[in-house]
Amino acid sequence: LDPTFFGADPVEEMLEIRIQHGSDLEAFSDGLGVLVRDAAMVRGT
Protein backbone atom coordinates (compact mmCIF):
# COMPACT_ATOMS: atom_id res chain seq x y z
CA LEU A 1 0.00 0.00 0.00
CA ASP A 2 1.52 3.30 -1.03
CA PRO A 3 -0.29 5.50 1.52
CA THR A 4 -0.86 9.11 0.57
CA PHE A 5 -3.70 9.98 2.94
CA PHE A 6 -3.46 10.01 6.75
CA GLY A 7 -6.34 11.10 8.95
CA ALA A 8 -7.78 10.72 12.44
CA ASP A 9 -11.30 11.42 13.69
CA PRO A 10 -11.84 11.74 17.47
CA VAL A 11 -15.18 10.69 18.98
CA GLU A 12 -15.34 11.12 22.76
CA GLU A 13 -12.41 9.00 24.07
CA MET A 14 -12.06 7.04 20.81
CA LEU A 15 -9.80 7.81 17.87
CA GLU A 16 -10.45 6.44 14.39
CA ILE A 17 -7.30 6.47 12.24
CA ARG A 18 -7.34 5.98 8.46
CA ILE A 19 -4.24 5.31 6.37
CA GLN A 20 -4.95 4.83 2.68
CA HIS A 21 -3.86 5.25 -0.91
CA GLY A 22 -5.62 8.39 -2.15
CA SER A 23 -8.14 10.55 -0.36
CA ASP A 24 -11.27 9.08 -1.92
CA LEU A 25 -13.98 7.45 0.18
CA GLU A 26 -13.07 4.10 1.76
CA ALA A 27 -15.51 2.39 -0.64
CA PHE A 28 -13.18 3.28 -3.53
CA SER A 29 -9.74 3.07 -1.90
CA ASP A 30 -7.20 0.65 -0.47
CA GLY A 31 -6.33 1.30 3.13
CA LEU A 32 -5.89 0.48 6.77
CA GLY A 33 -8.31 1.47 9.54
CA VAL A 34 -7.29 1.64 13.20
CA LEU A 35 -9.85 2.15 15.96
CA VAL A 36 -8.43 3.07 19.36
CA ARG A 37 -11.21 2.74 21.92
CA ASP A 38 -9.42 4.67 24.70
CA ALA A 39 -6.78 7.00 23.27
CA ALA A 40 -6.21 8.62 26.70
CA MET A 41 -5.20 5.24 28.17
CA VAL A 42 -2.81 4.60 25.30
CA ARG A 43 -1.31 8.09 25.60
CA GLY A 44 -1.06 7.89 29.39
CA THR A 45 0.33 4.39 29.95
PDB file of all heavy atoms in Angstrom:
ATOM      1  N   LEU A   1       0.877  -1.168   0.000  1.00  0.00           N
ATOM      2  CA  LEU A   1       0.000   0.000   0.000  1.00  0.00           C
ATOM      3  C   LEU A   1       0.917   1.221   0.000  1.00  0.00           C
ATOM      4  O   LEU A   1       1.788   1.338   0.846  1.00  0.00           O
ATOM      5  CB  LEU A   1      -0.870   0.009   1.267  1.00  0.00           C
ATOM      6  CG  LEU A   1      -1.741   1.242   1.491  1.00  0.00           C
ATOM      7  CD1 LEU A   1      -2.873   1.276   0.469  1.00  0.00           C
ATOM      8  CD2 LEU A   1      -2.313   1.249   2.900  1.00  0.00           C
ATOM      9  N   ASP A   2       0.733   2.064  -0.965  1.00  0.00           N
ATOM     10  CA  ASP A   2       1.515   3.297  -1.031  1.00  0.00           C
ATOM     11  C   ASP A   2       0.651   4.402  -0.431  1.00  0.00           C
ATOM     12  O   ASP A   2      -0.060   5.099  -1.150  1.00  0.00           O
ATOM     13  CB  ASP A   2       1.872   3.589  -2.491  1.00  0.00           C
ATOM     14  CG  ASP A   2       2.693   4.846  -2.642  1.00  0.00           C
ATOM     15  OD1 ASP A   2       3.362   5.253  -1.674  1.00  0.00           O
ATOM     16  OD2 ASP A   2       2.647   5.450  -3.735  1.00  0.00           O
ATOM     17  N   PRO A   3       0.646   4.559   0.908  1.00  0.00           N
ATOM     18  CA  PRO A   3      -0.289   5.503   1.518  1.00  0.00           C
ATOM     19  C   PRO A   3       0.037   6.952   1.191  1.00  0.00           C
ATOM     20  O   PRO A   3       1.202   7.355   1.234  1.00  0.00           O
ATOM     21  CB  PRO A   3      -0.173   5.224   3.014  1.00  0.00           C
ATOM     22  CG  PRO A   3       1.117   4.546   3.205  1.00  0.00           C
ATOM     23  CD  PRO A   3       1.471   3.892   1.910  1.00  0.00           C
ATOM     24  N   THR A   4      -0.995   7.694   0.850  1.00  0.00           N
ATOM     25  CA  THR A   4      -0.858   9.111   0.565  1.00  0.00           C
ATOM     26  C   THR A   4      -1.838   9.943   1.380  1.00  0.00           C
ATOM     27  O   THR A   4      -1.810  11.160   1.318  1.00  0.00           O
ATOM     28  CB  THR A   4      -1.099   9.380  -0.938  1.00  0.00           C
ATOM     29  OG1 THR A   4      -2.390   8.879  -1.290  1.00  0.00           O
ATOM     30  CG2 THR A   4      -0.036   8.707  -1.791  1.00  0.00           C
ATOM     31  N   PHE A   5      -2.726   9.281   2.118  1.00  0.00           N
ATOM     32  CA  PHE A   5      -3.703   9.984   2.944  1.00  0.00           C
ATOM     33  C   PHE A   5      -3.632   9.445   4.364  1.00  0.00           C
ATOM     34  O   PHE A   5      -3.651   8.234   4.580  1.00  0.00           O
ATOM     35  CB  PHE A   5      -5.121   9.787   2.398  1.00  0.00           C
ATOM     36  CG  PHE A   5      -6.159  10.486   3.224  1.00  0.00           C
ATOM     37  CD1 PHE A   5      -6.500  11.800   2.965  1.00  0.00           C
ATOM     38  CD2 PHE A   5      -6.779   9.846   4.286  1.00  0.00           C
ATOM     39  CE1 PHE A   5      -7.445  12.463   3.741  1.00  0.00           C
ATOM     40  CE2 PHE A   5      -7.716  10.492   5.069  1.00  0.00           C
ATOM     41  CZ  PHE A   5      -8.054  11.805   4.793  1.00  0.00           C
ATOM     42  N   PHE A   6      -3.559  10.359   5.330  1.00  0.00           N
ATOM     43  CA  PHE A   6      -3.460  10.008   6.747  1.00  0.00           C
ATOM     44  C   PHE A   6      -4.439  10.900   7.501  1.00  0.00           C
ATOM     45  O   PHE A   6      -4.347  12.121   7.427  1.00  0.00           O
ATOM     46  CB  PHE A   6      -2.044  10.249   7.262  1.00  0.00           C
ATOM     47  CG  PHE A   6      -0.989   9.516   6.488  1.00  0.00           C
ATOM     48  CD1 PHE A   6      -0.506  10.029   5.285  1.00  0.00           C
ATOM     49  CD2 PHE A   6      -0.500   8.316   6.930  1.00  0.00           C
ATOM     50  CE1 PHE A   6       0.450   9.349   4.553  1.00  0.00           C
ATOM     51  CE2 PHE A   6       0.468   7.633   6.214  1.00  0.00           C
ATOM     52  CZ  PHE A   6       0.944   8.146   5.012  1.00  0.00           C
ATOM     53  N   GLY A   7      -5.367  10.299   8.220  1.00  0.00           N
ATOM     54  CA  GLY A   7      -6.336  11.096   8.948  1.00  0.00           C
ATOM     55  C   GLY A   7      -6.757  10.432  10.242  1.00  0.00           C
ATOM     56  O   GLY A   7      -6.594   9.224  10.423  1.00  0.00           O
ATOM     57  N   ALA A   8      -7.296  11.232  11.161  1.00  0.00           N
ATOM     58  CA  ALA A   8      -7.785  10.718  12.436  1.00  0.00           C
ATOM     59  C   ALA A   8      -9.012  11.520  12.846  1.00  0.00           C
ATOM     60  O   ALA A   8      -9.005  12.745  12.788  1.00  0.00           O
ATOM     61  CB  ALA A   8      -6.708  10.814  13.510  1.00  0.00           C
ATOM     62  N   ASP A   9     -10.065  10.808  13.234  1.00  0.00           N
ATOM     63  CA  ASP A   9     -11.304  11.424  13.693  1.00  0.00           C
ATOM     64  C   ASP A   9     -11.546  11.042  15.143  1.00  0.00           C
ATOM     65  O   ASP A   9     -11.754   9.870  15.446  1.00  0.00           O
ATOM     66  CB  ASP A   9     -12.493  10.942  12.854  1.00  0.00           C
ATOM     67  CG  ASP A   9     -12.435  11.431  11.423  1.00  0.00           C
ATOM     68  OD1 ASP A   9     -12.029  12.588  11.217  1.00  0.00           O
ATOM     69  OD2 ASP A   9     -12.784  10.658  10.516  1.00  0.00           O
ATOM     70  N   PRO A  10     -11.540  12.029  16.063  1.00  0.00           N
ATOM     71  CA  PRO A  10     -11.839  11.735  17.465  1.00  0.00           C
ATOM     72  C   PRO A  10     -13.348  11.715  17.715  1.00  0.00           C
ATOM     73  O   PRO A  10     -14.088  12.513  17.148  1.00  0.00           O
ATOM     74  CB  PRO A  10     -11.190  12.897  18.214  1.00  0.00           C
ATOM     75  CG  PRO A  10     -11.172  14.024  17.232  1.00  0.00           C
ATOM     76  CD  PRO A  10     -11.088  13.405  15.862  1.00  0.00           C
ATOM     77  N   VAL A  11     -13.789  10.763  18.532  1.00  0.00           N
ATOM     78  CA  VAL A  11     -15.176  10.694  18.976  1.00  0.00           C
ATOM     79  C   VAL A  11     -15.131  10.322  20.448  1.00  0.00           C
ATOM     80  O   VAL A  11     -14.775   9.195  20.788  1.00  0.00           O
ATOM     81  CB  VAL A  11     -15.984   9.639  18.191  1.00  0.00           C
ATOM     82  CG1 VAL A  11     -17.405   9.566  18.713  1.00  0.00           C
ATOM     83  CG2 VAL A  11     -15.964   9.934  16.704  1.00  0.00           C
ATOM     84  N   GLU A  12     -15.456  11.291  21.316  1.00  0.00           N
ATOM     85  CA  GLU A  12     -15.338  11.119  22.757  1.00  0.00           C
ATOM     86  C   GLU A  12     -13.927  10.633  23.089  1.00  0.00           C
ATOM     87  O   GLU A  12     -12.969  11.288  22.742  1.00  0.00           O
ATOM     88  CB  GLU A  12     -16.444  10.215  23.284  1.00  0.00           C
ATOM     89  CG  GLU A  12     -17.823  10.823  23.090  1.00  0.00           C
ATOM     90  CD  GLU A  12     -18.952   9.949  23.560  1.00  0.00           C
ATOM     91  OE1 GLU A  12     -18.693   8.864  24.109  1.00  0.00           O
ATOM     92  OE2 GLU A  12     -20.105  10.360  23.380  1.00  0.00           O
ATOM     93  N   GLU A  13     -13.764   9.466  23.737  1.00  0.00           N
ATOM     94  CA  GLU A  13     -12.413   9.002  24.072  1.00  0.00           C
ATOM     95  C   GLU A  13     -11.801   8.145  22.961  1.00  0.00           C
ATOM     96  O   GLU A  13     -10.654   7.734  23.047  1.00  0.00           O
ATOM     97  CB  GLU A  13     -12.397   8.228  25.395  1.00  0.00           C
ATOM     98  CG  GLU A  13     -13.102   6.900  25.363  1.00  0.00           C
ATOM     99  CD  GLU A  13     -14.600   6.977  25.622  1.00  0.00           C
ATOM    100  OE1 GLU A  13     -15.120   8.034  25.973  1.00  0.00           O
ATOM    101  OE2 GLU A  13     -15.247   5.934  25.448  1.00  0.00           O
ATOM    102  N   MET A  14     -12.553   7.887  21.902  1.00  0.00           N
ATOM    103  CA  MET A  14     -12.058   7.044  20.808  1.00  0.00           C
ATOM    104  C   MET A  14     -11.341   7.883  19.750  1.00  0.00           C
ATOM    105  O   MET A  14     -11.580   9.076  19.618  1.00  0.00           O
ATOM    106  CB  MET A  14     -13.212   6.296  20.149  1.00  0.00           C
ATOM    107  CG  MET A  14     -13.871   5.288  21.043  1.00  0.00           C
ATOM    108  SD  MET A  14     -15.077   4.263  20.170  1.00  0.00           S
ATOM    109  CE  MET A  14     -16.301   5.460  19.709  1.00  0.00           C
ATOM    110  N   LEU A  15     -10.487   7.191  18.989  1.00  0.00           N
ATOM    111  CA  LEU A  15      -9.804   7.813  17.871  1.00  0.00           C
ATOM    112  C   LEU A  15      -9.836   6.828  16.713  1.00  0.00           C
ATOM    113  O   LEU A  15      -9.390   5.686  16.847  1.00  0.00           O
ATOM    114  CB  LEU A  15      -8.356   8.148  18.245  1.00  0.00           C
ATOM    115  CG  LEU A  15      -7.587   8.974  17.218  1.00  0.00           C
ATOM    116  CD1 LEU A  15      -8.190  10.369  17.080  1.00  0.00           C
ATOM    117  CD2 LEU A  15      -6.126   9.083  17.627  1.00  0.00           C
ATOM    118  N   GLU A  16     -10.389   7.277  15.590  1.00  0.00           N
ATOM    119  CA  GLU A  16     -10.448   6.442  14.393  1.00  0.00           C
ATOM    120  C   GLU A  16      -9.406   6.960  13.405  1.00  0.00           C
ATOM    121  O   GLU A  16      -9.479   8.095  12.946  1.00  0.00           O
ATOM    122  CB  GLU A  16     -11.842   6.518  13.769  1.00  0.00           C
ATOM    123  CG  GLU A  16     -12.007   5.604  12.597  1.00  0.00           C
ATOM    124  CD  GLU A  16     -13.407   5.657  12.015  1.00  0.00           C
ATOM    125  OE1 GLU A  16     -14.349   6.041  12.727  1.00  0.00           O
ATOM    126  OE2 GLU A  16     -13.539   5.309  10.832  1.00  0.00           O
ATOM    127  N   ILE A  17      -8.423   6.109  13.099  1.00  0.00           N
ATOM    128  CA  ILE A  17      -7.304   6.472  12.236  1.00  0.00           C
ATOM    129  C   ILE A  17      -7.499   5.803  10.881  1.00  0.00           C
ATOM    130  O   ILE A  17      -7.883   4.636  10.814  1.00  0.00           O
ATOM    131  CB  ILE A  17      -5.969   6.016  12.867  1.00  0.00           C
ATOM    132  CG1 ILE A  17      -5.790   6.687  14.232  1.00  0.00           C
ATOM    133  CG2 ILE A  17      -4.798   6.313  11.942  1.00  0.00           C
ATOM    134  CD1 ILE A  17      -4.664   6.111  15.066  1.00  0.00           C
ATOM    135  N   ARG A  18      -7.224   6.547   9.811  1.00  0.00           N
ATOM    136  CA  ARG A  18      -7.342   5.984   8.463  1.00  0.00           C
ATOM    137  C   ARG A  18      -6.064   6.286   7.690  1.00  0.00           C
ATOM    138  O   ARG A  18      -5.667   7.438   7.556  1.00  0.00           O
ATOM    139  CB  ARG A  18      -8.558   6.590   7.758  1.00  0.00           C
ATOM    140  CG  ARG A  18      -8.846   5.976   6.422  1.00  0.00           C
ATOM    141  CD  ARG A  18     -10.243   6.307   5.933  1.00  0.00           C
ATOM    142  NE  ARG A  18     -10.582   7.707   6.001  1.00  0.00           N
ATOM    143  CZ  ARG A  18     -10.748   8.497   4.931  1.00  0.00           C
ATOM    144  NH1 ARG A  18     -10.613   8.019   3.731  1.00  0.00           N
ATOM    145  NH2 ARG A  18     -11.072   9.752   5.094  1.00  0.00           N
ATOM    146  N   ILE A  19      -5.438   5.224   7.190  1.00  0.00           N
ATOM    147  CA  ILE A  19      -4.235   5.307   6.374  1.00  0.00           C
ATOM    148  C   ILE A  19      -4.604   4.682   5.038  1.00  0.00           C
ATOM    149  O   ILE A  19      -4.960   3.505   4.995  1.00  0.00           O
ATOM    150  CB  ILE A  19      -3.070   4.493   7.000  1.00  0.00           C
ATOM    151  CG1 ILE A  19      -2.895   4.806   8.483  1.00  0.00           C
ATOM    152  CG2 ILE A  19      -1.799   4.660   6.210  1.00  0.00           C
ATOM    153  CD1 ILE A  19      -2.601   6.218   8.814  1.00  0.00           C
ATOM    154  N   GLN A  20      -4.529   5.434   3.939  1.00  0.00           N
ATOM    155  CA  GLN A  20      -4.948   4.827   2.677  1.00  0.00           C
ATOM    156  C   GLN A  20      -4.245   5.452   1.482  1.00  0.00           C
ATOM    157  O   GLN A  20      -3.620   6.507   1.577  1.00  0.00           O
ATOM    158  CB  GLN A  20      -6.461   4.878   2.511  1.00  0.00           C
ATOM    159  CG  GLN A  20      -7.048   6.227   2.264  1.00  0.00           C
ATOM    160  CD  GLN A  20      -8.562   6.165   2.087  1.00  0.00           C
ATOM    161  OE1 GLN A  20      -9.246   5.394   2.765  1.00  0.00           O
ATOM    162  NE2 GLN A  20      -9.079   6.971   1.203  1.00  0.00           N
ATOM    163  N   HIS A  21      -4.376   4.762   0.360  1.00  0.00           N
ATOM    164  CA  HIS A  21      -3.857   5.254  -0.910  1.00  0.00           C
ATOM    165  C   HIS A  21      -4.930   6.151  -1.518  1.00  0.00           C
ATOM    166  O   HIS A  21      -6.008   5.687  -1.863  1.00  0.00           O
ATOM    167  CB  HIS A  21      -3.550   4.082  -1.848  1.00  0.00           C
ATOM    168  CG  HIS A  21      -3.014   4.535  -3.162  1.00  0.00           C
ATOM    169  ND1 HIS A  21      -1.733   4.994  -3.308  1.00  0.00           N
ATOM    170  CD2 HIS A  21      -3.594   4.642  -4.377  1.00  0.00           C
ATOM    171  CE1 HIS A  21      -1.543   5.334  -4.555  1.00  0.00           C
ATOM    172  NE2 HIS A  21      -2.663   5.143  -5.226  1.00  0.00           N
ATOM    173  N   GLY A  22      -4.655   7.440  -1.614  1.00  0.00           N
ATOM    174  CA  GLY A  22      -5.616   8.392  -2.145  1.00  0.00           C
ATOM    175  C   GLY A  22      -6.574   8.867  -1.073  1.00  0.00           C
ATOM    176  O   GLY A  22      -6.728   8.245  -0.026  1.00  0.00           O
ATOM    177  N   SER A  23      -7.241   9.964  -1.350  1.00  0.00           N
ATOM    178  CA  SER A  23      -8.140  10.555  -0.356  1.00  0.00           C
ATOM    179  C   SER A  23      -9.610  10.317  -0.678  1.00  0.00           C
ATOM    180  O   SER A  23     -10.475  10.954  -0.100  1.00  0.00           O
ATOM    181  CB  SER A  23      -7.874  12.060  -0.249  1.00  0.00           C
ATOM    182  OG  SER A  23      -8.087  12.690  -1.504  1.00  0.00           O
ATOM    183  N   ASP A  24      -9.885   9.389  -1.570  1.00  0.00           N
ATOM    184  CA  ASP A  24     -11.270   9.079  -1.923  1.00  0.00           C
ATOM    185  C   ASP A  24     -11.961   8.387  -0.743  1.00  0.00           C
ATOM    186  O   ASP A  24     -11.324   8.027   0.251  1.00  0.00           O
ATOM    187  CB  ASP A  24     -11.302   8.165  -3.154  1.00  0.00           C
ATOM    188  CG  ASP A  24     -12.570   8.323  -3.974  1.00  0.00           C
ATOM    189  OD1 ASP A  24     -13.563   8.852  -3.435  1.00  0.00           O
ATOM    190  OD2 ASP A  24     -12.566   7.920  -5.145  1.00  0.00           O
ATOM    191  N   LEU A  25     -13.248   8.185  -0.849  1.00  0.00           N
ATOM    192  CA  LEU A  25     -13.980   7.450   0.177  1.00  0.00           C
ATOM    193  C   LEU A  25     -13.409   6.040   0.329  1.00  0.00           C
ATOM    194  O   LEU A  25     -12.861   5.476  -0.624  1.00  0.00           O
ATOM    195  CB  LEU A  25     -15.458   7.354  -0.215  1.00  0.00           C
ATOM    196  CG  LEU A  25     -16.221   8.672  -0.308  1.00  0.00           C
ATOM    197  CD1 LEU A  25     -17.592   8.434  -0.903  1.00  0.00           C
ATOM    198  CD2 LEU A  25     -16.332   9.321   1.049  1.00  0.00           C
ATOM    199  N   GLU A  26     -13.572   5.455   1.511  1.00  0.00           N
ATOM    200  CA  GLU A  26     -13.075   4.096   1.757  1.00  0.00           C
ATOM    201  C   GLU A  26     -13.648   3.101   0.763  1.00  0.00           C
ATOM    202  O   GLU A  26     -12.987   2.129   0.404  1.00  0.00           O
ATOM    203  CB  GLU A  26     -13.417   3.632   3.176  1.00  0.00           C
ATOM    204  CG  GLU A  26     -12.727   4.396   4.272  1.00  0.00           C
ATOM    205  CD  GLU A  26     -13.525   5.586   4.794  1.00  0.00           C
ATOM    206  OE1 GLU A  26     -14.311   6.185   4.042  1.00  0.00           O
ATOM    207  OE2 GLU A  26     -13.342   5.929   5.953  1.00  0.00           O
ATOM    208  N   ALA A  27     -14.855   3.318   0.297  1.00  0.00           N
ATOM    209  CA  ALA A  27     -15.515   2.391  -0.637  1.00  0.00           C
ATOM    210  C   ALA A  27     -14.805   2.316  -1.987  1.00  0.00           C
ATOM    211  O   ALA A  27     -15.054   1.401  -2.765  1.00  0.00           O
ATOM    212  CB  ALA A  27     -16.959   2.811  -0.848  1.00  0.00           C
ATOM    213  N   PHE A  28     -13.884   3.255  -2.255  1.00  0.00           N
ATOM    214  CA  PHE A  28     -13.181   3.278  -3.533  1.00  0.00           C
ATOM    215  C   PHE A  28     -11.667   3.261  -3.366  1.00  0.00           C
ATOM    216  O   PHE A  28     -10.937   3.536  -4.314  1.00  0.00           O
ATOM    217  CB  PHE A  28     -13.590   4.521  -4.329  1.00  0.00           C
ATOM    218  CG  PHE A  28     -15.063   4.619  -4.555  1.00  0.00           C
ATOM    219  CD1 PHE A  28     -15.826   5.533  -3.850  1.00  0.00           C
ATOM    220  CD2 PHE A  28     -15.700   3.776  -5.448  1.00  0.00           C
ATOM    221  CE1 PHE A  28     -17.190   5.620  -4.037  1.00  0.00           C
ATOM    222  CE2 PHE A  28     -17.066   3.850  -5.639  1.00  0.00           C
ATOM    223  CZ  PHE A  28     -17.816   4.767  -4.942  1.00  0.00           C
ATOM    224  N   SER A  29     -11.171   2.972  -2.182  1.00  0.00           N
ATOM    225  CA  SER A  29      -9.741   3.066  -1.896  1.00  0.00           C
ATOM    226  C   SER A  29      -9.211   1.799  -1.246  1.00  0.00           C
ATOM    227  O   SER A  29      -9.962   0.983  -0.734  1.00  0.00           O
ATOM    228  CB  SER A  29      -9.476   4.245  -0.950  1.00  0.00           C
ATOM    229  OG  SER A  29      -9.944   5.443  -1.498  1.00  0.00           O
ATOM    230  N   ASP A  30      -7.891   1.664  -1.253  1.00  0.00           N
ATOM    231  CA  ASP A  30      -7.197   0.647  -0.467  1.00  0.00           C
ATOM    232  C   ASP A  30      -6.700   1.325   0.797  1.00  0.00           C
ATOM    233  O   ASP A  30      -6.207   2.462   0.738  1.00  0.00           O
ATOM    234  CB  ASP A  30      -5.986   0.095  -1.221  1.00  0.00           C
ATOM    235  CG  ASP A  30      -6.358  -0.731  -2.445  1.00  0.00           C
ATOM    236  OD1 ASP A  30      -7.552  -0.966  -2.668  1.00  0.00           O
ATOM    237  OD2 ASP A  30      -5.433  -1.144  -3.165  1.00  0.00           O
ATOM    238  N   GLY A  31      -6.805   0.645   1.936  1.00  0.00           N
ATOM    239  CA  GLY A  31      -6.334   1.300   3.134  1.00  0.00           C
ATOM    240  C   GLY A  31      -6.366   0.452   4.383  1.00  0.00           C
ATOM    241  O   GLY A  31      -6.714  -0.732   4.362  1.00  0.00           O
ATOM    242  N   LEU A  32      -5.979   1.092   5.455  1.00  0.00           N
ATOM    243  CA  LEU A  32      -5.894   0.480   6.769  1.00  0.00           C
ATOM    244  C   LEU A  32      -6.676   1.360   7.741  1.00  0.00           C
ATOM    245  O   LEU A  32      -6.490   2.579   7.759  1.00  0.00           O
ATOM    246  CB  LEU A  32      -4.428   0.410   7.199  1.00  0.00           C
ATOM    247  CG  LEU A  32      -4.109  -0.236   8.532  1.00  0.00           C
ATOM    248  CD1 LEU A  32      -4.226  -1.749   8.395  1.00  0.00           C
ATOM    249  CD2 LEU A  32      -2.704   0.124   8.966  1.00  0.00           C
ATOM    250  N   GLY A  33      -7.570   0.746   8.516  1.00  0.00           N
ATOM    251  CA  GLY A  33      -8.305   1.469   9.542  1.00  0.00           C
ATOM    252  C   GLY A  33      -7.851   1.001  10.918  1.00  0.00           C
ATOM    253  O   GLY A  33      -7.629  -0.187  11.129  1.00  0.00           O
ATOM    254  N   VAL A  34      -7.696   1.951  11.829  1.00  0.00           N
ATOM    255  CA  VAL A  34      -7.286   1.640  13.197  1.00  0.00           C
ATOM    256  C   VAL A  34      -8.252   2.344  14.138  1.00  0.00           C
ATOM    257  O   VAL A  34      -8.380   3.567  14.087  1.00  0.00           O
ATOM    258  CB  VAL A  34      -5.843   2.109  13.488  1.00  0.00           C
ATOM    259  CG1 VAL A  34      -5.425   1.715  14.902  1.00  0.00           C
ATOM    260  CG2 VAL A  34      -4.860   1.578  12.460  1.00  0.00           C
ATOM    261  N   LEU A  35      -8.945   1.575  14.968  1.00  0.00           N
ATOM    262  CA  LEU A  35      -9.846   2.150  15.956  1.00  0.00           C
ATOM    263  C   LEU A  35      -9.227   1.970  17.336  1.00  0.00           C
ATOM    264  O   LEU A  35      -8.977   0.842  17.772  1.00  0.00           O
ATOM    265  CB  LEU A  35     -11.213   1.461  15.913  1.00  0.00           C
ATOM    266  CG  LEU A  35     -12.206   1.920  16.982  1.00  0.00           C
ATOM    267  CD1 LEU A  35     -12.568   3.390  16.792  1.00  0.00           C
ATOM    268  CD2 LEU A  35     -13.441   1.051  16.987  1.00  0.00           C
ATOM    269  N   VAL A  36      -8.954   3.085  17.998  1.00  0.00           N
ATOM    270  CA  VAL A  36      -8.425   3.071  19.362  1.00  0.00           C
ATOM    271  C   VAL A  36      -9.577   3.450  20.273  1.00  0.00           C
ATOM    272  O   VAL A  36     -10.072   4.571  20.232  1.00  0.00           O
ATOM    273  CB  VAL A  36      -7.250   4.060  19.516  1.00  0.00           C
ATOM    274  CG1 VAL A  36      -6.686   4.011  20.937  1.00  0.00           C
ATOM    275  CG2 VAL A  36      -6.161   3.765  18.489  1.00  0.00           C
ATOM    276  N   ARG A  37     -10.029   2.512  21.087  1.00  0.00           N
ATOM    277  CA  ARG A  37     -11.212   2.740  21.922  1.00  0.00           C
ATOM    278  C   ARG A  37     -10.964   3.710  23.075  1.00  0.00           C
ATOM    279  O   ARG A  37     -11.880   4.391  23.517  1.00  0.00           O
ATOM    280  CB  ARG A  37     -11.730   1.419  22.473  1.00  0.00           C
ATOM    281  CG  ARG A  37     -12.397   0.553  21.422  1.00  0.00           C
ATOM    282  CD  ARG A  37     -13.175  -0.577  22.030  1.00  0.00           C
ATOM    283  NE  ARG A  37     -13.751  -1.581  21.219  1.00  0.00           N
ATOM    284  CZ  ARG A  37     -14.137  -1.546  19.963  1.00  0.00           C
ATOM    285  NH1 ARG A  37     -13.975  -0.476  19.278  1.00  0.00           N
ATOM    286  NH2 ARG A  37     -14.675  -2.561  19.358  1.00  0.00           N
ATOM    287  N   ASP A  38      -9.742   3.762  23.605  1.00  0.00           N
ATOM    288  CA  ASP A  38      -9.424   4.669  24.700  1.00  0.00           C
ATOM    289  C   ASP A  38      -8.048   5.280  24.435  1.00  0.00           C
ATOM    290  O   ASP A  38      -7.025   4.789  24.922  1.00  0.00           O
ATOM    291  CB  ASP A  38      -9.459   3.916  26.032  1.00  0.00           C
ATOM    292  CG  ASP A  38      -9.393   4.846  27.232  1.00  0.00           C
ATOM    293  OD1 ASP A  38      -8.936   5.999  27.072  1.00  0.00           O
ATOM    294  OD2 ASP A  38      -9.781   4.416  28.329  1.00  0.00           O
ATOM    295  N   ALA A  39      -8.045   6.363  23.654  1.00  0.00           N
ATOM    296  CA  ALA A  39      -6.784   7.002  23.274  1.00  0.00           C
ATOM    297  C   ALA A  39      -6.072   7.600  24.488  1.00  0.00           C
ATOM    298  O   ALA A  39      -4.843   7.633  24.534  1.00  0.00           O
ATOM    299  CB  ALA A  39      -7.036   8.071  22.219  1.00  0.00           C
ATOM    300  N   ALA A  40      -6.833   8.051  25.497  1.00  0.00           N
ATOM    301  CA  ALA A  40      -6.214   8.615  26.698  1.00  0.00           C
ATOM    302  C   ALA A  40      -5.416   7.546  27.443  1.00  0.00           C
ATOM    303  O   ALA A  40      -4.325   7.816  27.949  1.00  0.00           O
ATOM    304  CB  ALA A  40      -7.279   9.225  27.608  1.00  0.00           C
ATOM    305  N   MET A  41      -5.934   6.326  27.513  1.00  0.00           N
ATOM    306  CA  MET A  41      -5.199   5.239  28.173  1.00  0.00           C
ATOM    307  C   MET A  41      -3.909   4.936  27.419  1.00  0.00           C
ATOM    308  O   MET A  41      -2.846   4.779  28.025  1.00  0.00           O
ATOM    309  CB  MET A  41      -6.041   3.967  28.262  1.00  0.00           C
ATOM    310  CG  MET A  41      -5.272   2.791  28.878  1.00  0.00           C
ATOM    311  SD  MET A  41      -6.072   1.196  28.661  1.00  0.00           S
ATOM    312  CE  MET A  41      -7.432   1.376  29.775  1.00  0.00           C
ATOM    313  N   VAL A  42      -4.002   4.874  26.091  1.00  0.00           N
ATOM    314  CA  VAL A  42      -2.807   4.604  25.298  1.00  0.00           C
ATOM    315  C   VAL A  42      -1.786   5.710  25.506  1.00  0.00           C
ATOM    316  O   VAL A  42      -0.615   5.441  25.754  1.00  0.00           O
ATOM    317  CB  VAL A  42      -3.165   4.436  23.803  1.00  0.00           C
ATOM    318  CG1 VAL A  42      -1.909   4.342  22.954  1.00  0.00           C
ATOM    319  CG2 VAL A  42      -4.047   3.208  23.596  1.00  0.00           C
ATOM    320  N   ARG A  43      -2.230   6.963  25.429  1.00  0.00           N
ATOM    321  CA  ARG A  43      -1.310   8.089  25.599  1.00  0.00           C
ATOM    322  C   ARG A  43      -0.716   8.119  27.006  1.00  0.00           C
ATOM    323  O   ARG A  43       0.456   8.419  27.192  1.00  0.00           O
ATOM    324  CB  ARG A  43      -2.024   9.401  25.303  1.00  0.00           C
ATOM    325  CG  ARG A  43      -1.103  10.607  25.357  1.00  0.00           C
ATOM    326  CD  ARG A  43      -1.839  11.869  24.927  1.00  0.00           C
ATOM    327  NE  ARG A  43      -1.013  13.026  25.063  1.00  0.00           N
ATOM    328  CZ  ARG A  43      -0.186  13.475  24.128  1.00  0.00           C
ATOM    329  NH1 ARG A  43      -0.089  12.834  22.993  1.00  0.00           N
ATOM    330  NH2 ARG A  43       0.530  14.558  24.331  1.00  0.00           N
ATOM    331  N   GLY A  44      -1.517   7.789  28.003  1.00  0.00           N
ATOM    332  CA  GLY A  44      -1.059   7.886  29.385  1.00  0.00           C
ATOM    333  C   GLY A  44      -0.161   6.756  29.842  1.00  0.00           C
ATOM    334  O   GLY A  44       0.763   6.972  30.630  1.00  0.00           O
ATOM    335  N   THR A  45      -0.409   5.525  29.378  1.00  0.00           N
ATOM    336  CA  THR A  45       0.335   4.388  29.950  1.00  0.00           C
ATOM    337  C   THR A  45       0.898   3.395  28.933  1.00  0.00           C
ATOM    338  O   THR A  45       1.645   2.497  29.323  1.00  0.00           O
ATOM    339  CB  THR A  45      -0.574   3.589  30.913  1.00  0.00           C
ATOM    340  OG1 THR A  45      -1.684   3.073  30.189  1.00  0.00           O
ATOM    341  CG2 THR A  45      -1.055   4.447  32.065  1.00  0.00           C
TER     342      THR A  45
END
